[in-house]
Amino acid sequence: MRIDVRITNVSGERLWDYDKPLPSRASLSIDINIMEPTRTQGGMEAPFMFMISYSPPLAHISVKGRVVVTGTNEEVEGMVQEHKRSRQPPAPLLQAVSTACLAEAIVLCRSLNVPPPIPPLTPPPSQPERSQEGGPLSYTR
């Protein structure tokens, strides 16, 4: 089975004034909507919308397109039935759309000079060094 993500629209708007410093803490929400799939000659396709909103309102990012699935008739039919039964998009479709759209959103965030939609990297907590006796090292002993 092959899953292609075809992006048709990418938009971003910075809502926070450039002259004001960005807040130290901001949260964001990511919404992914994959609409009802339709059967095509060789598979199926479904339109999607991917949106990122910040709180406080720093920016709004939107990516739209279609996800196209090709494969054997059984694979495609199984994916359509799973979507109808659970009313949720199949995991492979969701993974493909989110991966492609996050990559576009990260580039757009860099252009808008707002934090990207990835968690910040924090260094692992450091362990205090131990002496050969097993206790913590001391500079006074």
Protein backbone atom coordinates (compact mmCIF):
# COMPACT_ATOMS: atom_id res chain seq x y z
CA MET A 1 0.00 0.00 0.00
CA ARG A 2 1.21 3.49 -0.84
CA ILE A 3 0.09 6.68 0.92
CA ASP A 4 0.77 10.05 -0.76
CA VAL A 5 0.13 13.36 0.96
CA ARG A 6 -0.62 16.07 -1.58
CA ILE A 7 -0.50 19.53 -0.04
CA THR A 8 -2.58 22.13 -1.87
CA ASN A 9 -2.46 25.11 0.51
CA VAL A 10 -0.02 26.32 3.17
CA SER A 11 -0.72 29.51 5.08
CA GLY A 12 0.60 31.16 8.18
CA GLU A 13 -0.03 34.41 9.94
CA ARG A 14 1.94 35.94 12.77
CA LEU A 15 -0.53 37.54 15.16
CA TRP A 16 1.99 38.78 17.76
CA ASP A 17 3.63 42.15 17.12
CA TYR A 18 7.30 41.84 16.11
CA ASP A 19 8.27 44.67 18.43
CA LYS A 20 6.91 42.90 21.50
CA PRO A 21 8.99 40.06 22.99
CA LEU A 22 7.42 36.62 22.75
CA PRO A 23 5.92 35.35 26.01
CA SER A 24 8.10 32.99 28.01
CA ARG A 25 5.37 30.35 28.09
CA ALA A 26 3.07 29.58 25.19
CA SER A 27 0.96 26.56 24.45
CA LEU A 28 -0.24 25.35 21.11
CA SER A 29 -2.96 23.08 19.87
CA ILE A 30 -2.77 20.95 16.75
CA ASP A 31 -5.95 19.88 14.98
CA ILE A 32 -5.91 17.30 12.18
CA ASN A 33 -9.15 16.68 10.31
CA ILE A 34 -9.25 13.94 7.69
CA MET A 35 -12.63 14.01 5.98
CA GLU A 36 -14.66 11.10 4.65
CA PRO A 37 -12.61 9.11 2.13
CA THR A 38 -13.90 8.46 -1.37
CA ARG A 39 -13.05 5.50 -3.58
CA THR A 40 -11.08 6.21 -6.75
CA GLN A 41 -10.02 4.08 -9.71
CA GLY A 42 -6.90 2.70 -8.02
CA GLY A 43 -7.59 3.35 -4.35
CA MET A 44 -9.06 6.11 -2.21
CA GLU A 45 -8.50 9.73 -1.31
CA ALA A 46 -9.58 12.03 1.47
CA PRO A 47 -9.21 15.79 1.93
CA PHE A 48 -7.54 16.99 5.12
CA MET A 49 -6.96 20.15 7.15
CA PHE A 50 -4.08 20.60 9.60
CA MET A 51 -4.17 23.64 11.88
CA ILE A 52 -1.94 24.99 14.64
CA SER A 53 -3.16 27.67 17.05
CA TYR A 54 -1.10 29.27 19.82
CA SER A 55 -2.21 30.55 23.20
CA PRO A 56 -1.59 33.44 23.71
CA PRO A 57 -2.28 34.09 20.02
CA LEU A 58 1.20 34.23 18.52
CA ALA A 59 0.35 32.79 15.11
CA HIS A 60 -2.05 30.61 13.16
CA ILE A 61 -0.73 27.94 10.75
CA SER A 62 -2.90 26.03 8.27
CA VAL A 63 -2.04 23.23 5.83
CA LYS A 64 -4.67 21.73 3.49
CA GLY A 65 -4.54 18.97 0.93
CA ARG A 66 -5.53 15.43 0.00
CA VAL A 67 -4.19 12.10 1.13
CA VAL A 68 -4.20 9.49 -1.65
CA VAL A 69 -3.99 5.75 -0.95
CA THR A 70 -3.19 3.19 -3.62
CA GLY A 71 -2.84 -0.53 -3.14
CA THR A 72 -4.64 -3.79 -3.56
CA ASN A 73 -8.42 -3.73 -3.49
CA GLU A 74 -8.46 -5.60 -0.15
CA GLU A 75 -6.04 -3.14 1.52
CA VAL A 76 -7.96 -0.09 0.37
CA GLU A 77 -11.37 -1.57 1.19
CA GLY A 78 -10.12 -2.53 4.65
CA MET A 79 -9.00 1.06 5.27
CA VAL A 80 -12.34 2.49 4.07
CA GLN A 81 -14.28 0.06 6.26
CA GLU A 82 -12.11 0.84 9.29
CA HIS A 83 -12.79 4.56 8.82
CA LYS A 84 -16.55 3.97 8.53
CA ARG A 85 -16.66 1.60 11.50
CA SER A 86 -14.59 3.64 13.97
CA ARG A 87 -15.34 7.13 12.58
CA GLN A 88 -11.63 7.79 13.09
CA PRO A 89 -9.03 8.02 10.33
CA PRO A 90 -6.83 4.93 10.08
CA ALA A 91 -3.50 5.29 11.89
CA PRO A 92 -1.34 5.10 8.72
CA LEU A 93 -3.26 8.01 7.17
CA LEU A 94 -3.01 10.08 10.33
CA GLN A 95 0.73 9.38 10.62
CA ALA A 96 1.43 10.30 6.99
CA VAL A 97 -0.58 13.53 7.15
CA SER A 98 0.86 14.65 10.49
CA THR A 99 4.45 13.95 9.42
CA ALA A 100 4.14 15.86 6.14
CA CYS A 101 2.26 18.78 7.67
CA LEU A 102 4.54 19.14 10.70
CA ALA A 103 7.52 19.45 8.36
CA GLU A 104 5.77 22.25 6.44
CA ALA A 105 4.67 23.95 9.68
CA ILE A 106 8.20 23.92 11.12
CA VAL A 107 9.57 25.71 8.06
CA LEU A 108 6.72 28.22 8.15
CA CYS A 109 7.26 28.88 11.88
CA ARG A 110 10.89 29.68 11.17
CA SER A 111 9.82 32.24 8.56
CA LEU A 112 7.29 33.78 10.98
CA ASN A 113 9.81 33.72 13.87
CA VAL A 114 7.48 31.85 16.25
CA PRO A 115 8.18 28.67 18.24
CA PRO A 116 7.88 25.51 16.12
CA PRO A 117 5.33 22.79 16.96
CA ILE A 118 7.88 20.47 18.53
CA PRO A 119 8.51 19.93 22.23
CA PRO A 120 11.55 21.77 23.56
CA LEU A 121 14.59 19.65 24.24
CA THR A 122 15.52 19.64 27.89
CA PRO A 123 18.79 18.21 29.13
CA PRO A 124 18.45 15.06 31.21
CA PRO A 125 18.74 15.64 34.95
CA SER A 126 22.35 15.34 35.95
CA GLN A 127 23.36 12.86 38.61
CA PRO A 128 25.75 14.14 41.27
CA GLU A 129 29.18 12.66 40.90
CA ARG A 130 30.08 9.99 43.47
CA SER A 131 33.39 9.39 45.13
CA GLN A 132 34.95 5.94 45.29
CA GLU A 133 33.41 5.43 48.75
CA GLY A 134 29.95 5.85 47.22
CA GLY A 135 29.10 9.26 48.67
CA PRO A 136 28.83 12.52 46.75
CA LEU A 137 32.06 14.28 45.85
CA SER A 138 33.00 17.14 48.12
CA TYR A 139 35.44 19.92 47.40
CA THR A 140 36.13 20.45 51.12
CA ARG A 141 37.37 16.95 52.01
